[in-house]
Amino acid sequence: MNKNEFVARIAADADLKKSDAEKFLEAFVSNVKEIMAAGDKLQLVGFGTFEAKMRSEKEGVNPATGEKIKIAACKVPSFKPGKTLKDEINK
């Protein structure tokens, strides 16, 4: 499913115009990004938790040269599904 199909589905389920559903989706995604960038987490009970986790520095190998390189520490987005979501998927 692509973004346009998802927006159409939201619009149909929530009885909204497609433009309003797209605004909602854009606002949701934007807010999740801001929350995670600030180091906070967003918990949607029954759905899951969005948060940024810190990945530590590690050593890697350049596949072209075989040379060892350091991969810098960075934040990575993480999503942990909630029990209700897991149960729904595994019906």
N, C-alpha and C. Protein backbone atom coordinates (compact mmCIF):
# COMPACT_ATOMS: atom_id res chain seq x y z
N MET A 1 0.85 -1.17 0.00
CA MET A 1 0.00 0.00 0.00
C MET A 1 0.89 1.23 0.00
N ASN A 2 0.57 2.19 -0.85
CA ASN A 2 1.35 3.42 -0.89
C ASN A 2 0.62 4.53 -0.12
N LYS A 3 1.25 5.70 -0.04
CA LYS A 3 0.71 6.80 0.75
C LYS A 3 -0.68 7.22 0.26
N ASN A 4 -0.87 7.35 -1.07
CA ASN A 4 -2.16 7.77 -1.60
C ASN A 4 -3.27 6.79 -1.25
N GLU A 5 -2.99 5.51 -1.33
CA GLU A 5 -3.98 4.50 -0.97
C GLU A 5 -4.30 4.57 0.52
N PHE A 6 -3.26 4.81 1.32
CA PHE A 6 -3.46 4.92 2.77
C PHE A 6 -4.31 6.14 3.12
N VAL A 7 -4.03 7.27 2.48
CA VAL A 7 -4.80 8.50 2.70
C VAL A 7 -6.26 8.26 2.32
N ALA A 8 -6.50 7.61 1.19
CA ALA A 8 -7.87 7.32 0.75
C ALA A 8 -8.58 6.44 1.77
N ARG A 9 -7.86 5.48 2.33
CA ARG A 9 -8.46 4.59 3.33
C ARG A 9 -8.82 5.34 4.61
N ILE A 10 -7.91 6.22 5.06
CA ILE A 10 -8.19 7.04 6.25
C ILE A 10 -9.41 7.92 5.99
N ALA A 11 -9.45 8.56 4.81
CA ALA A 11 -10.57 9.44 4.46
C ALA A 11 -11.89 8.67 4.50
N ALA A 12 -11.91 7.48 3.96
CA ALA A 12 -13.14 6.68 3.93
C ALA A 12 -13.55 6.25 5.33
N ASP A 13 -12.60 5.78 6.14
CA ASP A 13 -12.91 5.29 7.49
C ASP A 13 -13.35 6.41 8.43
N ALA A 14 -12.76 7.60 8.28
CA ALA A 14 -13.06 8.72 9.19
C ALA A 14 -14.06 9.70 8.60
N ASP A 15 -14.62 9.39 7.43
CA ASP A 15 -15.58 10.25 6.75
C ASP A 15 -15.01 11.66 6.57
N LEU A 16 -13.79 11.72 6.01
CA LEU A 16 -13.10 12.98 5.76
C LEU A 16 -12.86 13.14 4.27
N LYS A 17 -12.56 14.39 3.89
CA LYS A 17 -12.08 14.63 2.53
C LYS A 17 -10.66 14.09 2.45
N LYS A 18 -10.24 13.69 1.26
CA LYS A 18 -8.87 13.18 1.10
C LYS A 18 -7.85 14.23 1.50
N SER A 19 -8.11 15.50 1.20
CA SER A 19 -7.16 16.55 1.56
C SER A 19 -7.02 16.68 3.08
N ASP A 20 -8.13 16.51 3.81
CA ASP A 20 -8.07 16.57 5.27
C ASP A 20 -7.34 15.36 5.84
N ALA A 21 -7.58 14.20 5.24
CA ALA A 21 -6.89 12.99 5.68
C ALA A 21 -5.39 13.11 5.44
N GLU A 22 -5.00 13.70 4.31
CA GLU A 22 -3.58 13.88 4.02
C GLU A 22 -2.95 14.87 5.00
N LYS A 23 -3.67 15.95 5.35
CA LYS A 23 -3.17 16.91 6.34
C LYS A 23 -2.97 16.22 7.68
N PHE A 24 -3.93 15.36 8.05
CA PHE A 24 -3.80 14.62 9.30
C PHE A 24 -2.56 13.74 9.30
N LEU A 25 -2.37 12.99 8.21
CA LEU A 25 -1.23 12.08 8.12
C LEU A 25 0.09 12.86 8.17
N GLU A 26 0.17 13.97 7.44
CA GLU A 26 1.38 14.79 7.45
C GLU A 26 1.66 15.35 8.85
N ALA A 27 0.61 15.79 9.54
CA ALA A 27 0.77 16.31 10.91
C ALA A 27 1.23 15.21 11.86
N PHE A 28 0.66 14.01 11.71
CA PHE A 28 1.04 12.88 12.56
C PHE A 28 2.51 12.55 12.37
N VAL A 29 2.93 12.38 11.13
CA VAL A 29 4.32 12.02 10.83
C VAL A 29 5.27 13.11 11.31
N SER A 30 4.93 14.36 11.08
CA SER A 30 5.77 15.48 11.50
C SER A 30 5.93 15.50 13.01
N ASN A 31 4.85 15.28 13.73
CA ASN A 31 4.91 15.29 15.19
C ASN A 31 5.70 14.11 15.73
N VAL A 32 5.56 12.94 15.13
CA VAL A 32 6.35 11.79 15.57
C VAL A 32 7.83 12.07 15.38
N LYS A 33 8.20 12.66 14.25
CA LYS A 33 9.61 13.01 14.00
C LYS A 33 10.13 13.99 15.05
N GLU A 34 9.35 15.03 15.33
CA GLU A 34 9.76 16.04 16.31
C GLU A 34 9.92 15.44 17.70
N ILE A 35 8.99 14.59 18.09
CA ILE A 35 9.04 13.96 19.41
C ILE A 35 10.29 13.09 19.53
N MET A 36 10.56 12.30 18.49
CA MET A 36 11.72 11.42 18.53
C MET A 36 13.03 12.21 18.48
N ALA A 37 13.08 13.28 17.69
CA ALA A 37 14.28 14.11 17.59
C ALA A 37 14.59 14.79 18.92
N ALA A 38 13.55 15.08 19.69
CA ALA A 38 13.73 15.72 20.99
C ALA A 38 14.17 14.72 22.07
N GLY A 39 14.22 13.44 21.72
CA GLY A 39 14.63 12.42 22.68
C GLY A 39 13.48 11.87 23.50
N ASP A 40 12.26 12.25 23.17
CA ASP A 40 11.09 11.73 23.88
C ASP A 40 10.55 10.51 23.14
N LYS A 41 9.60 9.84 23.76
CA LYS A 41 8.96 8.74 23.07
C LYS A 41 7.45 8.95 23.04
N LEU A 42 6.83 8.38 22.03
CA LEU A 42 5.38 8.49 21.86
C LEU A 42 4.79 7.11 22.07
N GLN A 43 3.95 6.97 23.10
CA GLN A 43 3.31 5.69 23.39
C GLN A 43 1.85 5.77 22.99
N LEU A 44 1.45 4.93 22.07
CA LEU A 44 0.05 4.81 21.67
C LEU A 44 -0.41 3.45 22.18
N VAL A 45 -1.11 3.47 23.33
CA VAL A 45 -1.51 2.24 23.99
C VAL A 45 -2.31 1.37 23.03
N GLY A 46 -1.92 0.11 22.94
CA GLY A 46 -2.58 -0.83 22.05
C GLY A 46 -1.97 -0.88 20.67
N PHE A 47 -1.22 0.16 20.29
CA PHE A 47 -0.58 0.19 18.98
C PHE A 47 0.91 -0.03 19.09
N GLY A 48 1.60 0.86 19.84
CA GLY A 48 3.04 0.70 20.00
C GLY A 48 3.71 1.97 20.46
N THR A 49 5.04 1.90 20.51
CA THR A 49 5.85 3.01 21.00
C THR A 49 6.89 3.40 19.96
N PHE A 50 6.92 4.69 19.64
CA PHE A 50 7.93 5.25 18.75
C PHE A 50 8.97 5.95 19.62
N GLU A 51 10.26 5.68 19.37
CA GLU A 51 11.31 6.40 20.09
C GLU A 51 12.61 6.32 19.31
N ALA A 52 13.53 7.23 19.63
CA ALA A 52 14.86 7.21 19.04
C ALA A 52 15.80 6.55 20.04
N LYS A 53 16.54 5.56 19.57
CA LYS A 53 17.50 4.88 20.43
C LYS A 53 18.91 5.23 19.96
N MET A 54 19.82 5.24 20.91
CA MET A 54 21.21 5.56 20.59
C MET A 54 21.94 4.29 20.17
N ARG A 55 22.57 4.35 19.02
CA ARG A 55 23.40 3.24 18.55
C ARG A 55 24.85 3.63 18.83
N SER A 56 25.58 2.77 19.51
CA SER A 56 26.95 3.10 19.89
C SER A 56 27.91 3.04 18.70
N GLU A 57 29.05 3.66 18.88
CA GLU A 57 30.08 3.64 17.84
C GLU A 57 30.57 2.20 17.67
N LYS A 58 30.85 1.84 16.43
CA LYS A 58 31.36 0.49 16.20
C LYS A 58 32.36 0.51 15.05
N GLU A 59 33.07 -0.59 14.92
CA GLU A 59 34.05 -0.72 13.85
C GLU A 59 33.46 -1.52 12.71
N GLY A 60 33.66 -1.05 11.50
CA GLY A 60 33.17 -1.73 10.32
C GLY A 60 34.30 -1.94 9.33
N VAL A 61 33.95 -2.50 8.17
CA VAL A 61 34.93 -2.76 7.12
C VAL A 61 34.43 -2.16 5.82
N ASN A 62 35.29 -1.39 5.15
CA ASN A 62 34.96 -0.86 3.83
C ASN A 62 34.99 -2.03 2.86
N PRO A 63 33.84 -2.38 2.24
CA PRO A 63 33.81 -3.56 1.39
C PRO A 63 34.67 -3.42 0.12
N ALA A 64 34.94 -2.20 -0.31
CA ALA A 64 35.74 -2.00 -1.52
C ALA A 64 37.23 -2.23 -1.28
N THR A 65 37.69 -1.79 -0.09
CA THR A 65 39.13 -1.85 0.17
C THR A 65 39.50 -2.85 1.27
N GLY A 66 38.53 -3.26 2.07
CA GLY A 66 38.82 -4.15 3.19
C GLY A 66 39.38 -3.39 4.38
N GLU A 67 39.50 -2.08 4.27
CA GLU A 67 40.05 -1.24 5.32
C GLU A 67 39.04 -1.12 6.47
N LYS A 68 39.54 -1.17 7.72
CA LYS A 68 38.69 -1.01 8.89
C LYS A 68 38.35 0.46 9.04
N ILE A 69 37.08 0.74 9.35
CA ILE A 69 36.62 2.11 9.55
C ILE A 69 35.79 2.18 10.82
N LYS A 70 35.70 3.39 11.38
CA LYS A 70 34.85 3.59 12.55
C LYS A 70 33.52 4.14 12.08
N ILE A 71 32.45 3.54 12.57
CA ILE A 71 31.10 4.01 12.28
C ILE A 71 30.65 4.79 13.50
N ALA A 72 30.35 6.06 13.31
CA ALA A 72 30.02 6.96 14.41
C ALA A 72 28.73 6.55 15.12
N ALA A 73 28.66 6.90 16.39
CA ALA A 73 27.43 6.69 17.16
C ALA A 73 26.34 7.59 16.57
N CYS A 74 25.11 7.13 16.61
CA CYS A 74 24.00 7.93 16.07
C CYS A 74 22.68 7.46 16.69
N LYS A 75 21.68 8.29 16.51
CA LYS A 75 20.33 7.94 16.94
C LYS A 75 19.64 7.22 15.78
N VAL A 76 18.86 6.19 16.10
CA VAL A 76 18.10 5.48 15.08
C VAL A 76 16.64 5.39 15.52
N PRO A 77 15.71 5.54 14.59
CA PRO A 77 14.30 5.44 14.96
C PRO A 77 13.95 3.99 15.30
N SER A 78 13.04 3.85 16.26
CA SER A 78 12.64 2.53 16.71
C SER A 78 11.13 2.50 16.93
N PHE A 79 10.53 1.38 16.60
CA PHE A 79 9.10 1.18 16.87
C PHE A 79 8.94 -0.17 17.54
N LYS A 80 8.30 -0.17 18.70
CA LYS A 80 8.02 -1.42 19.41
C LYS A 80 6.51 -1.62 19.40
N PRO A 81 6.03 -2.65 18.71
CA PRO A 81 4.58 -2.86 18.63
C PRO A 81 3.99 -3.23 19.99
N GLY A 82 2.76 -2.78 20.22
CA GLY A 82 2.04 -3.12 21.44
C GLY A 82 1.38 -4.48 21.34
N LYS A 83 0.96 -5.00 22.48
CA LYS A 83 0.36 -6.33 22.54
C LYS A 83 -0.89 -6.44 21.66
N THR A 84 -1.75 -5.43 21.68
CA THR A 84 -2.98 -5.47 20.89
C THR A 84 -2.67 -5.57 19.41
N LEU A 85 -1.68 -4.80 18.94
CA LEU A 85 -1.27 -4.85 17.53
C LEU A 85 -0.70 -6.23 17.19
N LYS A 86 0.16 -6.76 18.05
CA LYS A 86 0.72 -8.09 17.80
C LYS A 86 -0.38 -9.15 17.72
N ASP A 87 -1.32 -9.06 18.65
CA ASP A 87 -2.42 -10.04 18.66
C ASP A 87 -3.27 -9.94 17.40
N GLU A 88 -3.53 -8.73 16.94
CA GLU A 88 -4.34 -8.51 15.73
C GLU A 88 -3.65 -9.10 14.49
N ILE A 89 -2.35 -8.90 14.41
CA ILE A 89 -1.59 -9.40 13.26
C ILE A 89 -1.53 -10.93 13.27
N ASN A 90 -1.47 -11.50 14.45
CA ASN A 90 -1.31 -12.95 14.56
C ASN A 90 -2.61 -13.73 14.69
N LYS A 91 -3.73 -13.12 14.33
CA LYS A 91 -5.03 -13.83 14.40
C LYS A 91 -5.01 -15.03 13.49
